[in-house]
Structures are given as structure tokens and as C-alpha cells.
Amino acid sequence: MECSEEQRAVVSVINTLACRFPGRSRTDVEDAVCEEYSAFNSGPVRAMVPVLVERAAMKRLQGGCS
């Protein structure tokens, strides 16, 4: 199965945030991104989903929430 552009963007968000938060485990980063992605997943407009996910996950990781 081929990955969609959106899926590739979400993987890129995970990689970016993993580098930005070296003190957090990759699992923490993946969990934050996946949880935020699922919150935006039902929206009809898809173009901004990766950006919104990155911002929300970054806030979560900065605040220490899991």
C-alpha cells in the first residue's frame, strides 16, 4: 500500500519533533503526534492537518503531557 502525501507529512512531523525534543523518547513523540492526528482526522479540509498536528504535538511535548 502506497503512503499518502499526508502520511508522509505526519512521519516528517514525528522526525522533526524527535529532533526538537531529544530529551523525550521517540515513543512519546509518536504518541503525541498520533493522538493529535486522530483529533484532526475527521475534518473535511486536509491540507493543513500536518501543520496543525505538529503545533499541537509540540505544545503537548513542551508541557510534558503524554
C-alpha atoms as a PDB file:
ATOM      1  CA  MET A   1       0.000   0.000   0.000  1.00  0.00           C
ATOM      2  CA  GLU A   2       1.362   3.376  -1.010  1.00  0.00           C
ATOM      3  CA  CYS A   3       1.663   6.092   1.616  1.00  0.00           C
ATOM      4  CA  SER A   4      -0.327   9.229   1.006  1.00  0.00           C
ATOM      5  CA  GLU A   5       1.206  12.668   0.972  1.00  0.00           C
ATOM      6  CA  GLU A   6      -0.466  13.347   4.321  1.00  0.00           C
ATOM      7  CA  GLN A   7       1.014  10.193   5.876  1.00  0.00           C
ATOM      8  CA  ARG A   8       4.482  11.177   4.681  1.00  0.00           C
ATOM      9  CA  ALA A   9       3.977  14.629   6.174  1.00  0.00           C
ATOM     10  CA  VAL A  10       2.963  13.133   9.532  1.00  0.00           C
ATOM     11  CA  VAL A  11       6.097  10.946   9.541  1.00  0.00           C
ATOM     12  CA  SER A  12       8.087  14.086   8.806  1.00  0.00           C
ATOM     13  CA  VAL A  13       6.422  15.800  11.787  1.00  0.00           C
ATOM     14  CA  ILE A  14       7.455  12.877  14.004  1.00  0.00           C
ATOM     15  CA  ASN A  15      11.048  13.107  12.778  1.00  0.00           C
ATOM     16  CA  THR A  16      11.154  16.890  13.216  1.00  0.00           C
ATOM     17  CA  LEU A  17       9.759  16.784  16.738  1.00  0.00           C
ATOM     18  CA  ALA A  18      12.003  13.870  17.732  1.00  0.00           C
ATOM     19  CA  CYS A  19      14.997  16.068  16.835  1.00  0.00           C
ATOM     20  CA  ARG A  20      13.486  19.118  18.501  1.00  0.00           C
ATOM     21  CA  PHE A  21      12.813  17.227  21.745  1.00  0.00           C
ATOM     22  CA  PRO A  22      15.876  14.999  22.231  1.00  0.00           C
ATOM     23  CA  GLY A  23      15.010  14.559  25.912  1.00  0.00           C
ATOM     24  CA  ARG A  24      11.737  12.828  25.045  1.00  0.00           C
ATOM     25  CA  SER A  25      11.605   9.263  23.816  1.00  0.00           C
ATOM     26  CA  ARG A  26      10.614   8.662  20.210  1.00  0.00           C
ATOM     27  CA  THR A  27       7.612   6.754  21.556  1.00  0.00           C
ATOM     28  CA  ASP A  28       6.465   9.882  23.448  1.00  0.00           C
ATOM     29  CA  VAL A  29       6.772  11.914  20.251  1.00  0.00           C
ATOM     30  CA  GLU A  30       4.961   9.311  18.154  1.00  0.00           C
ATOM     31  CA  ASP A  31       2.188   9.036  20.744  1.00  0.00           C
ATOM     32  CA  ALA A  32       1.713  12.818  20.891  1.00  0.00           C
ATOM     33  CA  VAL A  33       1.624  13.122  17.100  1.00  0.00           C
ATOM     34  CA  CYS A  34      -0.734  10.155  16.664  1.00  0.00           C
ATOM     35  CA  GLU A  35      -3.130  11.427  19.333  1.00  0.00           C
ATOM     36  CA  GLU A  36      -3.181  14.911  17.844  1.00  0.00           C
ATOM     37  CA  TYR A  37      -3.582  13.466  14.335  1.00  0.00           C
ATOM     38  CA  SER A  38      -6.621  11.477  15.398  1.00  0.00           C
ATOM     39  CA  ALA A  39      -8.165  14.678  16.795  1.00  0.00           C
ATOM     40  CA  PHE A  40      -7.878  16.317  13.350  1.00  0.00           C
ATOM     41  CA  ASN A  41      -8.526  13.185  11.296  1.00  0.00           C
ATOM     42  CA  SER A  42     -12.268  13.669  10.877  1.00  0.00           C
ATOM     43  CA  GLY A  43     -12.054  17.173   9.416  1.00  0.00           C
ATOM     44  CA  PRO A  44     -13.035  17.704   5.797  1.00  0.00           C
ATOM     45  CA  VAL A  45     -10.123  20.049   4.995  1.00  0.00           C
ATOM     46  CA  ARG A  46      -6.914  18.015   4.864  1.00  0.00           C
ATOM     47  CA  ALA A  47      -4.282  20.431   3.546  1.00  0.00           C
ATOM     48  CA  MET A  48      -3.317  21.880   6.925  1.00  0.00           C
ATOM     49  CA  VAL A  49      -3.626  18.724   9.045  1.00  0.00           C
ATOM     50  CA  PRO A  50       0.145  18.028   9.311  1.00  0.00           C
ATOM     51  CA  VAL A  51       0.848  21.646  10.343  1.00  0.00           C
ATOM     52  CA  LEU A  52      -1.929  21.608  12.934  1.00  0.00           C
ATOM     53  CA  VAL A  53      -0.748  18.243  14.255  1.00  0.00           C
ATOM     54  CA  GLU A  54       2.839  19.490  14.543  1.00  0.00           C
ATOM     55  CA  ARG A  55       1.786  22.596  16.500  1.00  0.00           C
ATOM     56  CA  ALA A  56      -0.499  20.678  18.854  1.00  0.00           C
ATOM     57  CA  ALA A  57       2.040  17.899  19.455  1.00  0.00           C
ATOM     58  CA  MET A  58       4.799  20.449  20.073  1.00  0.00           C
ATOM     59  CA  LYS A  59       2.676  22.183  22.718  1.00  0.00           C
ATOM     60  CA  ARG A  60       1.952  18.814  24.308  1.00  0.00           C
ATOM     61  CA  LEU A  61       5.639  17.857  24.367  1.00  0.00           C
ATOM     62  CA  GLN A  62       6.694  21.249  25.741  1.00  0.00           C
ATOM     63  CA  GLY A  63       4.150  20.973  28.501  1.00  0.00           C
ATOM     64  CA  GLY A  64       5.231  17.488  29.412  1.00  0.00           C
ATOM     65  CA  CYS A  65       1.819  15.956  28.735  1.00  0.00           C
ATOM     66  CA  SER A  66       1.768  12.468  27.346  1.00  0.00           C
END
